[in-house]
Amino acid sequence: MIRVNLLPPEILEKRKAERRIAYLVAALVAVSLVLVGVWGFAFTRANAKQRDLEAKQQELQQVTQQAASLEIFEVQQAELARRRSVAQMALDARQNWAKLFDEISLVLPSDMWLSALAATAPTKPQLEGYSGVTTDPPDYGHKTVAKLLVRLAELEQLADVWLSNSVKTEVEAQPALQFSITAAVVKPASSASGTAEAGSR
């Protein structure tokens, strides 16, 4: 069978053009749908990222506020540690005068007595007293004074023990020896270490 198209050529060309336009519109619609889908997916992801960013910023702000509230405790702790260090250095450097005077009284020979015992930091302690008569005139009292010097030099808290003077005199009409002794006070060993630590800081 032979098909014969009796339509004029103008109508056939018009129909072909209409079909091409329909295909082009369909293609444009498809491309638009794809672009809308891609844009929607990108928009959704961007919104999700923005929400994550806002959540992270809020969390960072909370952490920063907590850190700021705890910073005052760190400052107070550092200040407390500094004050403890200063107080410990002061305690370490303090001279135990009561202990020193007790030790001096213990090493004082029985035939000697003190008339004055003075010590004010940082001056040197000074001992003044008398030695009674011994059995070896004319050097009565000198051996006792020498014994006292040796005993004082052995005390840990004293150094540079020095006999300032020693003169013959009388006490209640009895011959005696009046003496005066000075010495340097030795700082506690812990105070020197405390000073070194403070300097290193």
Protein backbone atom coordinates (compact mmCIF):
# COMPACT_ATOMS: atom_id res chain seq x y z
CA MET A 1 0.00 0.00 0.00
CA ILE A 2 1.27 3.41 -0.94
CA ARG A 3 0.69 6.27 1.58
CA VAL A 4 0.00 9.56 -0.01
CA ASN A 5 0.19 12.77 2.10
CA LEU A 6 -2.16 15.28 0.64
CA LEU A 7 -1.30 18.05 3.15
CA PRO A 8 0.40 21.07 1.75
CA PRO A 9 4.14 21.41 2.44
CA GLU A 10 3.60 24.52 4.56
CA ILE A 11 1.45 22.62 7.04
CA LEU A 12 3.94 19.76 7.24
CA GLU A 13 6.77 22.19 7.96
CA LYS A 14 4.68 23.95 10.60
CA ARG A 15 3.96 20.65 12.36
CA LYS A 16 7.65 19.76 12.37
CA ALA A 17 8.45 23.15 13.90
CA GLU A 18 5.76 22.64 16.56
CA ARG A 19 7.22 19.25 17.47
CA ARG A 20 10.71 20.74 17.76
CA ILE A 21 9.36 23.48 20.03
CA ALA A 22 7.58 20.87 22.18
CA TYR A 23 10.81 18.86 22.50
CA LEU A 24 12.73 22.02 23.40
CA VAL A 25 10.16 23.01 26.04
CA ALA A 26 10.26 19.51 27.49
CA ALA A 27 14.05 19.64 27.62
CA LEU A 28 13.96 23.04 29.28
CA VAL A 29 11.46 21.79 31.85
CA ALA A 30 13.63 18.77 32.58
CA VAL A 31 16.74 20.91 32.96
CA SER A 32 14.82 23.31 35.19
CA LEU A 33 13.63 20.45 37.36
CA VAL A 34 17.20 19.17 37.69
CA LEU A 35 18.49 22.64 38.56
CA VAL A 36 15.72 23.12 41.11
CA GLY A 37 16.57 19.75 42.64
CA VAL A 38 20.28 20.58 42.83
CA TRP A 39 19.54 24.01 44.30
CA GLY A 40 17.16 22.50 46.84
CA PHE A 41 19.76 19.92 47.89
CA ALA A 42 22.47 22.58 48.18
CA PHE A 43 20.11 24.88 50.10
CA THR A 44 19.22 22.10 52.52
CA ARG A 45 22.88 21.25 53.13
CA ALA A 46 23.75 24.93 53.57
CA ASN A 47 20.98 25.31 56.14
CA ALA A 48 22.22 22.22 57.98
CA LYS A 49 25.79 23.55 57.99
CA GLN A 50 24.54 26.93 59.21
CA ARG A 51 22.65 25.27 62.07
CA ASP A 52 25.76 23.27 62.97
CA LEU A 53 27.84 26.45 62.91
CA GLU A 54 25.38 28.27 65.13
CA ALA A 55 25.34 25.32 67.55
CA LYS A 56 29.14 25.27 67.67
CA GLN A 57 29.28 29.03 68.23
CA GLN A 58 26.76 28.75 71.04
CA GLU A 59 28.76 25.92 72.60
CA LEU A 60 31.96 27.95 72.28
CA GLN A 61 30.28 30.91 73.96
CA GLN A 62 29.15 28.72 76.85
CA VAL A 63 32.62 27.22 77.25
CA THR A 64 34.16 30.70 77.15
CA GLN A 65 31.78 31.91 79.85
CA GLN A 66 32.61 28.88 82.01
CA ALA A 67 36.34 29.46 81.51
CA ALA A 68 35.92 33.12 82.46
CA SER A 69 34.03 32.14 85.61
CA LEU A 70 36.79 29.69 86.58
CA GLU A 71 39.63 32.11 85.81
CA ILE A 72 39.07 34.00 89.06
CA PHE A 73 39.66 30.79 91.01
CA GLU A 74 42.96 30.24 89.19
CA VAL A 75 44.01 33.79 90.03
CA GLN A 76 43.02 33.32 93.67
CA GLN A 77 44.87 30.00 93.81
CA ALA A 78 48.03 31.59 92.39
CA GLU A 79 47.74 34.47 94.88
CA LEU A 80 47.24 32.02 97.75
CA ALA A 81 50.31 30.03 96.68
CA ARG A 82 52.36 33.25 96.52
CA ARG A 83 51.23 34.29 100.00
CA ARG A 84 52.01 30.85 101.38
CA SER A 85 55.48 31.05 99.86
CA VAL A 86 56.09 34.49 101.39
CA ALA A 87 54.76 33.34 104.77
CA GLN A 88 56.91 30.21 104.68
CA MET A 89 59.99 32.28 103.84
CA ALA A 90 59.23 34.59 106.75
CA LEU A 91 58.80 31.65 109.11
CA ASP A 92 61.97 29.98 107.86
CA ALA A 93 63.98 33.19 108.31
CA ARG A 94 62.63 33.80 111.82
CA GLN A 95 65.22 33.25 114.50
CA ASN A 96 64.17 31.05 117.40
CA TRP A 97 65.57 33.25 120.18
CA ALA A 98 63.97 31.22 122.97
CA LYS A 99 65.73 28.06 121.79
CA LEU A 100 69.03 29.92 121.45
CA PHE A 101 68.82 31.39 124.96
CA ASP A 102 67.92 27.97 126.38
CA GLU A 103 70.97 26.42 124.72
CA ILE A 104 73.20 29.19 126.06
CA SER A 105 71.90 28.61 129.58
CA LEU A 106 72.58 24.88 129.23
CA VAL A 107 76.22 25.33 128.16
CA LEU A 108 76.95 28.00 130.79
CA PRO A 109 79.45 26.57 133.35
CA SER A 110 78.19 26.27 136.91
CA ASP A 111 80.73 28.78 138.28
CA MET A 112 79.65 31.52 135.89
CA TRP A 113 76.59 33.76 135.76
CA LEU A 114 75.29 36.27 133.27
CA SER A 115 74.41 39.82 134.14
CA ALA A 116 73.04 40.67 130.69
CA LEU A 117 71.99 38.77 127.59
CA ALA A 118 70.80 40.95 124.72
CA ALA A 119 69.95 40.12 121.13
CA THR A 120 67.90 42.12 118.68
CA ALA A 121 67.80 40.99 115.07
CA PRO A 122 69.85 41.55 113.03
CA THR A 123 72.45 42.67 115.60
CA LYS A 124 74.81 40.20 117.20
CA PRO A 125 73.89 38.65 120.53
CA GLN A 126 75.95 39.97 123.42
CA LEU A 127 76.63 38.14 126.67
CA GLU A 128 77.93 39.90 129.75
CA GLY A 129 78.66 38.19 133.03
CA TYR A 130 81.12 37.09 135.68
CA SER A 131 83.28 34.12 136.38
CA GLY A 132 83.96 33.09 139.96
CA VAL A 133 87.31 32.43 141.62
CA THR A 134 89.21 29.30 140.57
CA THR A 135 92.01 27.44 142.28
CA ASP A 136 94.77 28.74 140.01
CA PRO A 137 95.46 32.43 140.74
CA PRO A 138 96.38 34.81 139.22
CA ASP A 139 94.46 33.46 136.13
CA TYR A 140 91.24 32.86 138.05
CA GLY A 141 88.22 32.63 135.79
CA HIS A 142 90.09 32.57 132.48
CA LYS A 143 89.76 28.81 132.02
CA THR A 144 86.04 29.00 132.68
CA VAL A 145 85.63 31.79 130.13
CA ALA A 146 87.62 29.76 127.59
CA LYS A 147 85.37 26.77 128.27
CA LEU A 148 82.32 28.92 127.66
CA LEU A 149 83.75 30.19 124.38
CA VAL A 150 84.32 26.64 123.17
CA ARG A 151 80.80 25.57 124.12
CA LEU A 152 79.21 28.58 122.46
CA ALA A 153 81.18 27.95 119.27
CA GLU A 154 79.69 24.44 119.13
CA LEU A 155 76.10 25.73 119.05
CA GLU A 156 74.50 25.48 115.60
CA GLN A 157 72.80 28.87 115.83
CA LEU A 158 75.99 30.77 116.67
CA ALA A 159 79.10 31.58 114.69
CA ASP A 160 82.10 33.89 115.05
CA VAL A 161 82.07 33.70 118.84
CA TRP A 162 84.33 36.45 120.10
CA LEU A 163 85.58 37.52 123.52
CA SER A 164 85.23 41.32 123.60
CA ASN A 165 86.85 41.86 126.96
CA SER A 166 87.79 40.05 130.13
CA VAL A 167 88.90 42.07 133.16
CA LYS A 168 89.53 41.29 136.79
CA THR A 169 87.13 42.77 139.28
CA GLU A 170 85.44 42.04 142.57
CA VAL A 171 81.90 40.96 143.30
CA GLU A 172 80.77 41.35 146.92
CA ALA A 173 84.41 41.71 148.01
CA GLN A 174 85.34 38.48 146.20
CA PRO A 175 87.73 38.35 143.22
CA ALA A 176 86.01 37.63 139.92
CA LEU A 177 86.42 38.01 136.19
CA GLN A 178 84.05 40.22 134.25
CA PHE A 179 83.66 39.23 130.59
CA SER A 180 81.77 40.26 127.48
CA ILE A 181 81.16 37.91 124.51
CA THR A 182 79.63 38.60 121.10
CA ALA A 183 78.60 36.17 118.37
CA ALA A 184 76.88 36.08 115.01
CA VAL A 185 73.50 34.42 114.58
CA VAL A 186 73.35 31.73 111.89
CA LYS A 187 70.25 31.86 109.71
CA PRO A 188 68.27 28.62 109.40
CA ALA A 189 69.26 26.54 106.40
CA SER A 190 65.68 26.54 105.05
CA SER A 191 65.68 30.34 104.75
CA ALA A 192 68.58 30.29 102.32
CA SER A 193 66.80 27.75 100.11
CA GLY A 194 63.59 29.77 100.29
CA THR A 195 65.43 32.91 99.17
CA ALA A 196 66.97 31.01 96.25
CA GLU A 197 63.57 29.66 95.17
CA ALA A 198 62.01 33.12 95.38
CA GLY A 199 64.80 34.55 93.20
CA SER A 200 64.35 31.84 90.58
CA ARG A 201 60.67 32.72 90.26
